[in-house]
């Protein structure tokens, strides 16, 4: 898995699932955290599995069609489009 999508709730999860499927279709290992647990727990899961990136998509990002990603190694965060995300992950 190259990227974990944080689960903020049902609406966000459904939105993220579409992106996860697109990434998988392009050969990128991606997963959505199975439930809307606390952010700390989801980040700890990504850390434990050594997943290099975490995607955070809340209602604002959904409206704007953006993806907030965090590099788990450097802690750096940025806002990207799906195309930019594909470029980063490949």
N, C-alpha and C. Protein backbone atom coordinates (compact mmCIF):
# COMPACT_ATOMS: atom_id res chain seq x y z
N UNK A 1 0.84 -1.19 0.00
CA UNK A 1 0.00 0.00 0.00
C UNK A 1 0.88 1.24 0.00
N UNK A 2 0.63 2.14 -0.96
CA UNK A 2 1.39 3.38 -1.07
C UNK A 2 0.69 4.55 -0.39
N UNK A 3 -0.66 4.44 -0.28
CA UNK A 3 -1.41 5.55 0.33
C UNK A 3 -2.63 5.01 1.07
N UNK A 4 -2.88 5.61 2.24
CA UNK A 4 -4.05 5.27 3.05
C UNK A 4 -4.96 6.49 3.07
N UNK A 5 -6.22 6.28 2.75
CA UNK A 5 -7.20 7.36 2.83
C UNK A 5 -7.85 7.32 4.20
N UNK A 6 -7.77 8.44 4.91
CA UNK A 6 -8.36 8.56 6.24
C UNK A 6 -9.88 8.58 6.09
N UNK A 7 -10.56 7.88 6.97
CA UNK A 7 -12.01 7.77 6.93
C UNK A 7 -12.63 8.78 7.90
N UNK A 8 -13.28 9.82 7.35
CA UNK A 8 -13.92 10.85 8.18
C UNK A 8 -15.41 10.60 8.37
N UNK A 9 -15.96 9.60 7.69
CA UNK A 9 -17.39 9.32 7.80
C UNK A 9 -17.91 8.76 6.48
N UNK A 10 -19.20 8.44 6.44
CA UNK A 10 -19.79 7.75 5.28
C UNK A 10 -19.65 8.52 3.97
N UNK A 11 -20.01 9.81 3.96
CA UNK A 11 -19.94 10.59 2.71
C UNK A 11 -18.51 10.65 2.18
N UNK A 12 -17.59 10.97 3.07
CA UNK A 12 -16.18 11.07 2.68
C UNK A 12 -15.64 9.71 2.24
N UNK A 13 -16.04 8.65 2.95
CA UNK A 13 -15.57 7.31 2.61
C UNK A 13 -16.02 6.91 1.21
N UNK A 14 -17.26 7.22 0.85
CA UNK A 14 -17.76 6.88 -0.48
C UNK A 14 -16.99 7.64 -1.55
N UNK A 15 -16.68 8.92 -1.27
CA UNK A 15 -15.90 9.74 -2.20
C UNK A 15 -14.49 9.15 -2.35
N UNK A 16 -13.87 8.80 -1.23
CA UNK A 16 -12.50 8.26 -1.25
C UNK A 16 -12.44 6.91 -1.95
N UNK A 17 -13.47 6.11 -1.79
CA UNK A 17 -13.49 4.78 -2.40
C UNK A 17 -13.37 4.87 -3.92
N UNK A 18 -14.00 5.86 -4.51
CA UNK A 18 -13.89 6.06 -5.96
C UNK A 18 -12.44 6.33 -6.35
N UNK A 19 -11.76 7.16 -5.56
CA UNK A 19 -10.36 7.49 -5.85
C UNK A 19 -9.47 6.27 -5.62
N UNK A 20 -9.73 5.53 -4.55
CA UNK A 20 -8.97 4.31 -4.26
C UNK A 20 -9.07 3.35 -5.46
N UNK A 21 -10.27 3.18 -5.98
CA UNK A 21 -10.47 2.29 -7.13
C UNK A 21 -9.74 2.79 -8.37
N UNK A 22 -9.74 4.11 -8.60
CA UNK A 22 -9.01 4.68 -9.74
C UNK A 22 -7.51 4.42 -9.59
N UNK A 23 -7.00 4.63 -8.39
CA UNK A 23 -5.57 4.41 -8.14
C UNK A 23 -5.21 2.94 -8.37
N UNK A 24 -6.05 2.06 -7.84
CA UNK A 24 -5.80 0.62 -8.02
C UNK A 24 -5.82 0.23 -9.49
N UNK A 25 -6.77 0.82 -10.26
CA UNK A 25 -6.83 0.56 -11.70
C UNK A 25 -5.55 0.99 -12.39
N UNK A 26 -4.87 2.01 -11.82
CA UNK A 26 -3.62 2.49 -12.38
C UNK A 26 -2.40 1.78 -11.77
N UNK A 27 -2.65 0.73 -11.00
CA UNK A 27 -1.56 -0.06 -10.45
C UNK A 27 -0.95 0.47 -9.17
N UNK A 28 -1.64 1.39 -8.49
CA UNK A 28 -1.13 1.96 -7.24
C UNK A 28 -1.86 1.30 -6.07
N UNK A 29 -1.09 0.77 -5.12
CA UNK A 29 -1.68 0.17 -3.93
C UNK A 29 -2.27 1.24 -3.04
N UNK A 30 -3.60 1.20 -2.86
CA UNK A 30 -4.28 2.21 -2.04
C UNK A 30 -5.34 1.53 -1.20
N UNK A 31 -5.57 2.09 -0.01
CA UNK A 31 -6.64 1.56 0.82
C UNK A 31 -7.33 2.67 1.60
N UNK A 32 -8.57 2.38 1.99
CA UNK A 32 -9.37 3.28 2.80
C UNK A 32 -9.47 2.65 4.18
N UNK A 33 -9.21 3.45 5.23
CA UNK A 33 -9.35 2.92 6.58
C UNK A 33 -10.79 2.44 6.76
N UNK A 34 -11.00 1.25 7.34
CA UNK A 34 -12.33 0.63 7.35
C UNK A 34 -13.42 1.36 8.13
N UNK A 35 -13.07 2.15 9.13
CA UNK A 35 -14.12 2.88 9.85
C UNK A 35 -13.63 4.27 10.24
N UNK A 36 -14.57 5.10 10.69
CA UNK A 36 -14.20 6.48 11.01
C UNK A 36 -13.69 6.58 12.46
N UNK A 37 -12.58 5.92 12.71
CA UNK A 37 -11.94 5.96 14.03
C UNK A 37 -11.25 7.31 14.20
N UNK A 38 -10.72 7.54 15.39
CA UNK A 38 -10.00 8.78 15.66
C UNK A 38 -8.79 8.89 14.73
N UNK A 39 -8.49 10.12 14.35
CA UNK A 39 -7.39 10.40 13.43
C UNK A 39 -6.08 9.77 13.92
N UNK A 40 -5.81 9.88 15.22
CA UNK A 40 -4.57 9.35 15.78
C UNK A 40 -4.45 7.84 15.52
N UNK A 41 -5.54 7.12 15.67
CA UNK A 41 -5.56 5.67 15.45
C UNK A 41 -5.29 5.35 13.98
N UNK A 42 -5.89 6.13 13.07
CA UNK A 42 -5.70 5.89 11.65
C UNK A 42 -4.25 6.19 11.23
N UNK A 43 -3.69 7.24 11.78
CA UNK A 43 -2.29 7.60 11.48
C UNK A 43 -1.34 6.52 12.04
N UNK A 44 -1.64 6.02 13.23
CA UNK A 44 -0.82 4.97 13.84
C UNK A 44 -0.87 3.70 12.98
N UNK A 45 -2.02 3.41 12.41
CA UNK A 45 -2.17 2.26 11.50
C UNK A 45 -1.27 2.43 10.28
N UNK A 46 -1.31 3.62 9.68
CA UNK A 46 -0.46 3.90 8.51
C UNK A 46 1.02 3.76 8.87
N UNK A 47 1.38 4.28 10.03
CA UNK A 47 2.77 4.18 10.51
C UNK A 47 3.19 2.73 10.70
N UNK A 48 2.33 1.95 11.36
CA UNK A 48 2.64 0.56 11.65
C UNK A 48 2.81 -0.26 10.38
N UNK A 49 2.03 0.07 9.35
CA UNK A 49 2.12 -0.66 8.08
C UNK A 49 3.14 -0.05 7.12
N UNK A 50 3.84 0.99 7.61
CA UNK A 50 4.87 1.68 6.81
C UNK A 50 4.30 2.19 5.47
N UNK A 51 3.10 2.76 5.53
CA UNK A 51 2.46 3.36 4.35
C UNK A 51 3.04 4.77 4.20
N UNK A 52 3.66 5.07 3.05
CA UNK A 52 4.38 6.34 2.91
C UNK A 52 3.52 7.60 2.85
N UNK A 53 2.26 7.48 2.40
CA UNK A 53 1.40 8.66 2.29
C UNK A 53 0.03 8.41 2.89
N UNK A 54 -0.54 9.49 3.44
CA UNK A 54 -1.91 9.45 3.95
C UNK A 54 -2.67 10.55 3.23
N UNK A 55 -3.88 10.23 2.77
CA UNK A 55 -4.74 11.22 2.12
C UNK A 55 -5.85 11.62 3.08
N UNK A 56 -6.09 12.93 3.14
CA UNK A 56 -7.13 13.48 4.01
C UNK A 56 -8.12 14.23 3.14
N UNK A 57 -9.32 13.68 3.02
CA UNK A 57 -10.34 14.32 2.21
C UNK A 57 -11.58 14.54 3.05
N UNK A 58 -11.77 15.80 3.45
CA UNK A 58 -12.96 16.18 4.20
C UNK A 58 -13.95 16.86 3.27
N UNK A 59 -14.96 17.49 3.83
CA UNK A 59 -16.01 18.11 3.01
C UNK A 59 -15.46 19.24 2.13
N UNK A 60 -14.53 20.03 2.64
CA UNK A 60 -13.95 21.12 1.84
C UNK A 60 -13.19 20.59 0.63
N UNK A 61 -12.38 19.57 0.85
CA UNK A 61 -11.62 18.97 -0.25
C UNK A 61 -12.57 18.34 -1.28
N UNK A 62 -13.64 17.73 -0.79
CA UNK A 62 -14.62 17.13 -1.70
C UNK A 62 -15.25 18.20 -2.60
N UNK A 63 -15.62 19.34 -2.00
CA UNK A 63 -16.22 20.43 -2.77
C UNK A 63 -15.28 20.95 -3.84
N UNK A 64 -14.00 21.06 -3.49
CA UNK A 64 -13.01 21.65 -4.40
C UNK A 64 -12.37 20.63 -5.34
N UNK A 65 -12.64 19.33 -5.12
CA UNK A 65 -12.02 18.31 -5.94
C UNK A 65 -10.53 18.17 -5.67
N UNK A 66 -10.15 18.40 -4.42
CA UNK A 66 -8.74 18.34 -4.03
C UNK A 66 -8.47 17.15 -3.12
N UNK A 67 -7.18 16.82 -3.02
CA UNK A 67 -6.75 15.76 -2.11
C UNK A 67 -5.61 16.31 -1.27
N UNK A 68 -5.78 16.30 0.03
CA UNK A 68 -4.70 16.72 0.94
C UNK A 68 -3.90 15.46 1.25
N UNK A 69 -2.60 15.52 0.99
CA UNK A 69 -1.77 14.35 1.31
C UNK A 69 -0.68 14.71 2.30
N UNK A 70 -0.32 13.73 3.09
CA UNK A 70 0.75 13.91 4.07
C UNK A 70 1.81 12.84 3.80
N UNK A 71 3.05 13.29 3.67
CA UNK A 71 4.18 12.39 3.54
C UNK A 71 4.51 11.94 4.95
N UNK A 72 4.37 10.65 5.22
CA UNK A 72 4.55 10.13 6.58
C UNK A 72 6.02 10.13 7.02
N UNK A 73 6.94 10.24 6.08
CA UNK A 73 8.36 10.27 6.43
C UNK A 73 8.78 11.68 6.84
N UNK A 74 8.40 12.66 6.02
CA UNK A 74 8.85 14.04 6.28
C UNK A 74 7.84 14.85 7.08
N UNK A 75 6.57 14.40 7.10
CA UNK A 75 5.52 15.16 7.77
C UNK A 75 4.97 16.29 6.91
N UNK A 76 5.53 16.46 5.71
CA UNK A 76 5.11 17.52 4.81
C UNK A 76 3.71 17.24 4.27
N UNK A 77 2.88 18.29 4.24
CA UNK A 77 1.53 18.17 3.72
C UNK A 77 1.35 19.07 2.51
N UNK A 78 0.55 18.60 1.54
CA UNK A 78 0.25 19.43 0.38
C UNK A 78 -1.13 19.08 -0.17
N UNK A 79 -1.64 19.98 -0.99
CA UNK A 79 -2.94 19.80 -1.64
C UNK A 79 -2.66 19.50 -3.11
N UNK A 80 -3.22 18.40 -3.61
CA UNK A 80 -2.95 17.98 -4.99
C UNK A 80 -4.24 17.57 -5.70
N UNK A 81 -4.14 17.46 -7.02
CA UNK A 81 -5.24 16.91 -7.81
C UNK A 81 -5.00 15.41 -7.95
N UNK A 82 -5.97 14.70 -8.50
CA UNK A 82 -5.81 13.26 -8.70
C UNK A 82 -4.62 12.96 -9.63
N UNK A 83 -4.48 13.75 -10.70
CA UNK A 83 -3.35 13.54 -11.62
C UNK A 83 -2.02 13.75 -10.93
N UNK A 84 -1.92 14.80 -10.11
CA UNK A 84 -0.68 15.06 -9.36
C UNK A 84 -0.40 13.91 -8.39
N UNK A 85 -1.46 13.41 -7.76
CA UNK A 85 -1.31 12.30 -6.82
C UNK A 85 -0.76 11.07 -7.53
N UNK A 86 -1.30 10.76 -8.69
CA UNK A 86 -0.82 9.63 -9.47
C UNK A 86 0.67 9.78 -9.78
N UNK A 87 1.07 10.98 -10.16
CA UNK A 87 2.47 11.25 -10.48
C UNK A 87 3.37 11.04 -9.25
N UNK A 88 2.92 11.47 -8.09
CA UNK A 88 3.69 11.33 -6.86
C UNK A 88 3.83 9.86 -6.47
N UNK A 89 2.75 9.09 -6.63
CA UNK A 89 2.73 7.71 -6.14
C UNK A 89 3.39 6.70 -7.08
N UNK A 90 3.55 7.04 -8.35
CA UNK A 90 4.11 6.08 -9.30
C UNK A 90 5.61 6.12 -9.31
